[in-house]
Protein backbone atom coordinates (compact mmCIF):
# COMPACT_ATOMS: atom_id res chain seq x y z
CA THR A 1 166.46 40.88 153.51
CA ARG A 2 165.64 44.42 152.44
CA ILE A 3 167.10 45.04 148.99
CA LEU A 4 167.45 48.67 147.97
CA MET A 5 166.50 49.19 144.36
CA PRO A 6 167.65 51.97 142.01
CA SER A 7 164.95 54.46 141.09
CA LEU A 8 164.45 57.69 139.22
CA SER A 9 164.36 60.05 142.18
CA HIS A 10 161.55 58.09 143.81
CA HIS A 11 160.91 56.56 147.18
CA HIS A 12 162.13 53.12 148.01
CA SER A 13 159.23 52.08 150.23
CA HIS A 14 158.60 49.18 152.60
CA CYS A 15 154.83 48.69 152.87
CA HIS A 16 153.70 46.17 155.46
CA GLY A 17 150.41 45.19 156.92
CA LYS A 18 151.23 47.90 159.46
CA LEU A 19 151.69 50.47 156.70
CA SER A 20 155.27 51.63 156.95
CA CYS A 21 157.39 53.17 154.24
CA GLY A 22 160.98 54.10 153.60
CA TRP A 23 163.47 56.72 152.55
CA LYS A 24 164.48 58.22 149.23
CA LEU A 25 167.21 56.61 147.17
CA LYS A 26 168.08 58.66 144.11
CA THR A 27 169.99 56.75 141.46
CA MET A 28 169.67 57.22 137.71
CA VAL A 29 169.94 54.06 135.64
CA HIS A 30 170.28 54.43 131.88
CA CYS A 31 172.35 51.48 130.63
CA SER A 32 171.72 47.95 129.47
CA PRO A 33 173.01 45.32 131.91
CA PHE A 34 174.76 43.65 129.02
CA VAL A 35 176.70 46.75 127.98
CA VAL A 36 178.03 47.85 131.34
CA SER A 37 179.14 45.84 134.32
CA PHE A 38 176.52 44.23 136.52
CA LYS A 39 177.57 46.17 139.61
CA LYS A 40 177.49 49.48 137.76
CA LEU A 41 173.91 48.95 136.62
CA TYR A 42 172.71 47.59 139.95
CA PRO A 43 174.18 49.74 142.75
CA TRP A 44 171.44 48.36 145.02
CA VAL A 45 173.38 45.09 145.11
CA GLN A 46 176.22 46.85 146.92
CA LEU A 47 173.90 48.91 149.11
CA ALA A 48 172.02 45.88 150.32
CA GLY A 49 175.17 44.02 151.24
CA HIS A 50 174.58 41.33 148.62
CA ALA A 51 177.33 42.10 146.10
CA ASP A 52 178.27 38.42 145.96
CA HIS A 53 174.66 37.21 145.73
CA PHE A 54 173.94 38.28 142.14
CA GLN A 55 175.58 37.79 138.77
CA ALA A 56 174.46 38.76 135.29
CA GLY A 57 173.22 35.80 133.25
CA GLU A 58 172.55 35.57 129.54
CA TYR A 59 170.22 38.19 128.09
CA GLY A 60 167.07 38.43 130.16
CA LYS A 61 168.35 36.19 132.96
CA LEU A 62 169.72 36.79 136.44
CA LEU A 63 171.88 34.58 138.66
CA LYS A 64 171.04 34.75 142.36
CA LYS A 65 173.22 32.99 144.92
CA TYR A 66 171.79 29.55 145.61
CA CYS A 67 169.30 29.25 148.44
CA GLU A 68 167.65 25.85 148.81
CA CYS A 69 164.48 27.30 150.30
CA GLU A 70 164.06 29.76 147.43
CA GLN A 71 164.85 27.07 144.87
CA GLN A 72 162.13 24.79 146.25
CA CYS A 73 159.61 27.63 146.30
CA LEU A 74 160.32 28.76 142.74
CA GLU A 75 160.10 25.19 141.44
CA LYS A 76 156.67 24.80 143.04
CA LEU A 77 155.53 28.22 141.84
CA MET A 78 156.27 27.31 138.22
CA ASN A 79 153.29 24.94 138.45
CA ASP A 80 151.03 27.17 140.54
CA ASN A 81 148.53 29.79 139.42
CA LEU A 82 150.95 32.38 140.86
CA ARG A 83 153.33 31.67 137.98
CA PRO A 84 152.57 34.99 136.16
CA PHE A 85 153.43 36.93 139.31
CA VAL A 86 156.90 35.52 140.06
CA PRO A 87 160.19 35.42 138.14
CA GLY A 88 160.51 32.55 135.70
CA TYR A 89 162.83 29.90 137.17
CA TYR A 90 165.28 27.80 135.15
CA GLY A 91 167.12 25.67 137.67
CA ILE A 92 170.54 25.67 139.29
CA VAL A 93 173.69 26.74 137.46
CA GLN A 94 177.30 26.87 138.61
CA GLN A 95 179.66 29.76 138.00
CA ASN A 96 183.13 30.14 139.53
CA ASP A 97 182.47 27.14 141.79
CA GLN A 98 179.36 28.82 143.21
CA ASP A 99 175.79 27.56 142.75
CA TYR A 100 173.16 30.05 141.62
CA ASN A 101 169.42 30.00 140.99
CA LEU A 102 168.81 31.06 137.39
CA MET A 103 165.74 33.26 136.98
CA ASP A 104 164.26 36.00 134.83
CA ASP A 105 165.73 39.49 135.09
CA LEU A 106 162.49 41.36 135.70
CA LEU A 107 163.96 44.66 134.45
CA THR A 108 164.74 43.43 130.93
CA ASP A 109 161.71 44.99 129.20
CA PHE A 110 162.04 48.37 130.91
CA ASP A 111 163.95 51.48 129.88
CA SER A 112 165.44 53.49 132.78
CA PRO A 113 162.90 52.02 135.20
CA SER A 114 161.60 53.42 138.46
CA ILE A 115 161.65 50.62 141.00
CA MET A 116 160.11 50.09 144.42
CA ASP A 117 160.47 47.11 146.73
CA CYS A 118 157.66 46.64 149.28
CA LYS A 119 158.28 44.19 152.07
CA MET A 120 155.00 42.35 152.68
CA GLY A 121 153.39 41.06 155.83
CA SER A 122 153.40 41.80 159.53
CA ARG A 123 156.83 40.31 160.32
CA THR A 124 160.11 39.58 158.58
CA TYR A 125 161.30 36.69 160.74
CA LEU A 126 160.23 33.08 161.08
CA GLU A 127 158.87 31.91 164.41
CA GLU A 128 162.01 29.80 164.74
CA GLU A 129 164.02 33.03 164.65
CA LEU A 130 162.19 34.67 167.55
CA VAL A 131 165.13 34.47 169.92
CA LYS A 132 167.31 36.37 167.48
CA ALA A 133 164.52 38.79 166.57
CA ARG A 134 164.01 39.70 170.22
CA GLU A 135 167.62 40.78 170.62
CA ARG A 136 168.25 44.50 170.44
CA PRO A 137 168.99 45.43 166.81
CA ARG A 138 172.59 46.43 166.14
CA LEU A 139 173.42 49.68 164.40
CA ARG A 140 174.55 49.02 160.84
CA LYS A 141 177.59 51.20 160.22
CA ASP A 142 178.51 48.89 157.32
CA MET A 143 175.27 49.78 155.50
CA TYR A 144 176.09 53.49 155.76
CA GLU A 145 179.58 52.87 154.38
CA LYS A 146 178.19 50.87 151.44
CA MET A 147 175.75 53.66 150.61
CA VAL A 148 178.51 56.28 150.63
CA ALA A 149 180.72 54.06 148.45
CA VAL A 150 178.00 53.93 145.79
CA ASP A 151 176.96 57.58 146.00
CA PRO A 152 178.74 59.95 148.43
CA GLY A 153 175.85 62.40 148.12
CA ALA A 154 173.14 59.85 148.92
CA PRO A 155 172.95 60.12 152.73
CA SER A 156 171.29 63.25 154.02
CA ARG A 157 172.07 64.80 157.39
CA PHE A 158 169.16 62.78 158.74
CA HIS A 159 170.98 59.54 157.92
CA LYS A 160 174.22 60.65 159.60
CA LYS A 161 175.24 60.53 163.22
CA SER A 162 178.49 61.64 164.76
CA ASP A 163 179.76 58.07 164.84
CA GLY A 164 178.89 57.45 161.18
CA THR A 165 175.97 55.14 161.88
CA CYS A 166 172.61 55.31 160.13
CA ASN A 167 169.52 56.99 161.43
CA THR A 168 166.86 54.28 161.16
CA SER A 169 163.88 56.55 161.77
CA PHE A 170 162.90 55.97 158.14
CA LYS A 171 161.40 52.65 159.23
CA LYS A 172 158.81 54.43 161.37
CA THR A 173 156.59 56.01 158.74
CA LYS A 174 153.40 54.20 159.66
CA HIS A 175 150.49 56.54 159.03
CA LYS A 176 148.39 55.81 155.97
CA GLU A 177 148.67 59.39 154.75
CA GLN A 178 152.47 59.21 154.84
CA VAL A 179 152.47 55.96 152.89
CA MET A 180 150.08 57.44 150.33
CA GLU A 181 152.41 60.39 149.89
CA ALA A 182 155.39 58.10 149.34
CA LEU A 183 153.55 55.90 146.83
CA SER A 184 152.10 58.90 145.02
CA ASP A 185 155.60 60.31 144.70
CA PHE A 186 156.81 57.00 143.29
CA ALA A 187 154.03 56.93 140.67
CA ASP A 188 154.38 60.69 140.14
CA GLY A 189 150.59 60.99 140.43
CA ASN A 190 150.28 59.41 136.99
CA THR A 191 146.73 58.13 136.44
CA GLN A 192 147.78 55.46 133.94
CA LEU A 193 150.43 54.08 136.29
CA LEU A 194 148.12 54.09 139.29
CA ARG A 195 145.44 52.29 137.28
CA SER A 196 147.94 49.71 135.98
CA TYR A 197 149.37 49.03 139.42
CA LEU A 198 145.92 48.75 140.99
CA GLN A 199 144.78 46.28 138.34
CA ARG A 200 147.91 44.18 138.78
CA LEU A 201 147.51 44.11 142.57
CA GLU A 202 143.86 43.07 142.28
CA GLU A 203 144.82 40.30 139.86
CA LEU A 204 147.53 39.14 142.27
CA SER A 205 145.06 39.14 145.15
CA SER A 206 142.66 36.92 143.19
CA ALA A 207 145.48 34.54 142.29
CA LEU A 208 146.66 34.34 145.90
CA GLU A 209 143.16 33.53 147.13
CA THR A 210 143.07 30.40 144.96
CA SER A 211 146.76 29.40 145.15
CA GLU A 212 147.51 26.02 146.70
CA PHE A 213 151.11 27.13 147.25
CA PHE A 214 150.06 30.27 149.12
CA ARG A 215 147.52 28.41 151.23
CA THR A 216 150.13 25.92 152.44
CA HIS A 217 153.15 28.18 152.94
CA GLN A 218 154.26 30.76 155.48
CA VAL A 219 155.42 33.74 153.37
CA VAL A 220 157.88 35.76 155.44
CA GLY A 221 160.38 38.37 154.27
CA SER A 222 158.99 38.34 150.73
CA SER A 223 158.54 41.54 148.75
CA LEU A 224 156.47 42.98 145.96
CA LEU A 225 158.61 44.53 143.25
CA PHE A 226 156.98 47.49 141.49
CA VAL A 227 158.55 48.57 138.18
CA HIS A 228 157.52 51.18 135.62
CA ASP A 229 159.17 53.39 133.02
CA ALA A 230 158.36 56.47 130.97
CA SER A 231 156.51 54.40 128.34
CA GLY A 232 153.78 53.64 130.88
CA LEU A 233 154.70 49.96 131.21
CA ALA A 234 154.07 48.94 134.82
CA ARG A 235 154.33 45.54 136.49
CA VAL A 236 154.35 43.99 139.95
CA TRP A 237 155.99 40.70 140.94
CA MET A 238 156.45 38.66 144.09
CA ILE A 239 160.16 38.22 144.86
CA ASP A 240 162.47 36.93 147.62
CA PHE A 241 161.38 33.51 148.88
CA GLY A 242 164.34 32.69 151.13
CA LYS A 243 162.07 32.55 154.19
CA THR A 244 158.95 31.13 152.56
CA VAL A 245 158.49 27.71 154.13
CA PRO A 246 155.83 24.98 153.87
CA LEU A 247 153.45 24.53 156.77
CA PRO A 248 153.26 21.25 158.65
CA PRO A 249 150.24 19.36 157.20
CA PRO A 250 147.34 19.77 157.52
CA GLN A 251 147.79 23.40 158.65
CA THR A 252 146.83 26.20 156.28
CA LEU A 253 146.88 29.99 156.65
CA ASP A 254 144.43 32.71 155.68
CA HIS A 255 147.25 35.33 155.71
CA ARG A 256 144.94 37.93 157.30
CA THR A 257 144.55 36.74 160.88
CA PRO A 258 146.77 38.76 163.24
CA TRP A 259 149.94 36.92 164.11
CA ALA A 260 150.26 35.33 167.53
CA GLU A 261 153.21 33.16 168.39
CA GLY A 262 152.43 29.63 167.29
CA ASN A 263 149.77 30.37 164.65
CA ARG A 264 152.37 31.08 161.91
CA GLU A 265 150.17 33.72 160.28
CA ASP A 266 152.22 36.19 158.24
CA GLY A 267 149.77 39.01 157.46
CA TYR A 268 150.57 38.95 153.74
CA LEU A 269 147.00 39.51 152.53
CA TRP A 270 146.48 42.08 155.27
CA GLY A 271 149.31 44.11 153.75
CA LEU A 272 148.09 43.51 150.20
CA ASP A 273 144.57 44.63 151.15
CA ASN A 274 146.10 47.84 152.50
CA LEU A 275 148.09 48.42 149.31
CA ILE A 276 145.03 47.89 147.13
CA GLN A 277 143.01 50.31 149.23
CA ILE A 278 145.76 52.93 149.08
CA PHE A 279 146.23 52.69 145.31
CA GLY A 280 142.45 52.84 144.90
CA ASP A 281 142.24 55.95 147.08
CA MET A 282 145.10 57.61 145.17
CA LEU A 283 143.46 56.85 141.83
CA GLN A 284 140.19 58.31 143.05
CA ASP A 285 141.99 61.44 144.26
CA VAL A 286 143.65 62.13 140.91
CA THR A 287 140.53 61.38 138.83
CA SER A 288 137.97 63.21 140.97
CA PRO A 289 136.87 66.61 139.57
């Protein structure tokens, strides 16, 4: 799933191994989630079509609609060296007869954060879903209607068609220069932020290279969540493990080999390598005399 996050007039970007990025979503967020309603603080929940998937937990916690696959992944990750790079997980809780996974709210320590969700890897579907993935994508009029319901001024003329459907050309920004422009806009060309993000990505890469979990799982449809605020605090986490599945033993992946049907490679490190290179290039650009 592609979850649209609120940001301070910044790009919401999808950065894959193939280097694609997204469109601008402008939403100001100023309030504490425990002062105002959950939906008011997180309009991205409505935009993404997941209004019933999230609930506010106690301070610093988030309830996400139960997914067995994600639960199993998060439980394993709590004992893996990727633990610092994923939300803390606290088990299953029930609310209004619905099961939820209880996890850290990653926005708790930030004030009016700028947020970017980057979908990682070379594909967003499991090999078992190929038949569905090969079908012609349907236009998502419902997504357009959700966006207008949250902010009537959000869609530009480029998003609108005469029948009210969305223009999906925003998924086709694939040139490195275009991605750099989007990411630079997100970080506002701030040297401190670029340096912090680059360091975090390099630390994540090192952890992934030695992670037993990562070596033995196909990571599909997962995202990197980038968050920073005006104080200069900047973090990156791995999120969304609903399609992260264990490999049949003794198979392992290197996450860089190009995907071919049957090899289960996901291109995750290919995409991360690209992100690290881009952030490094941007940092060099802003620090060069």
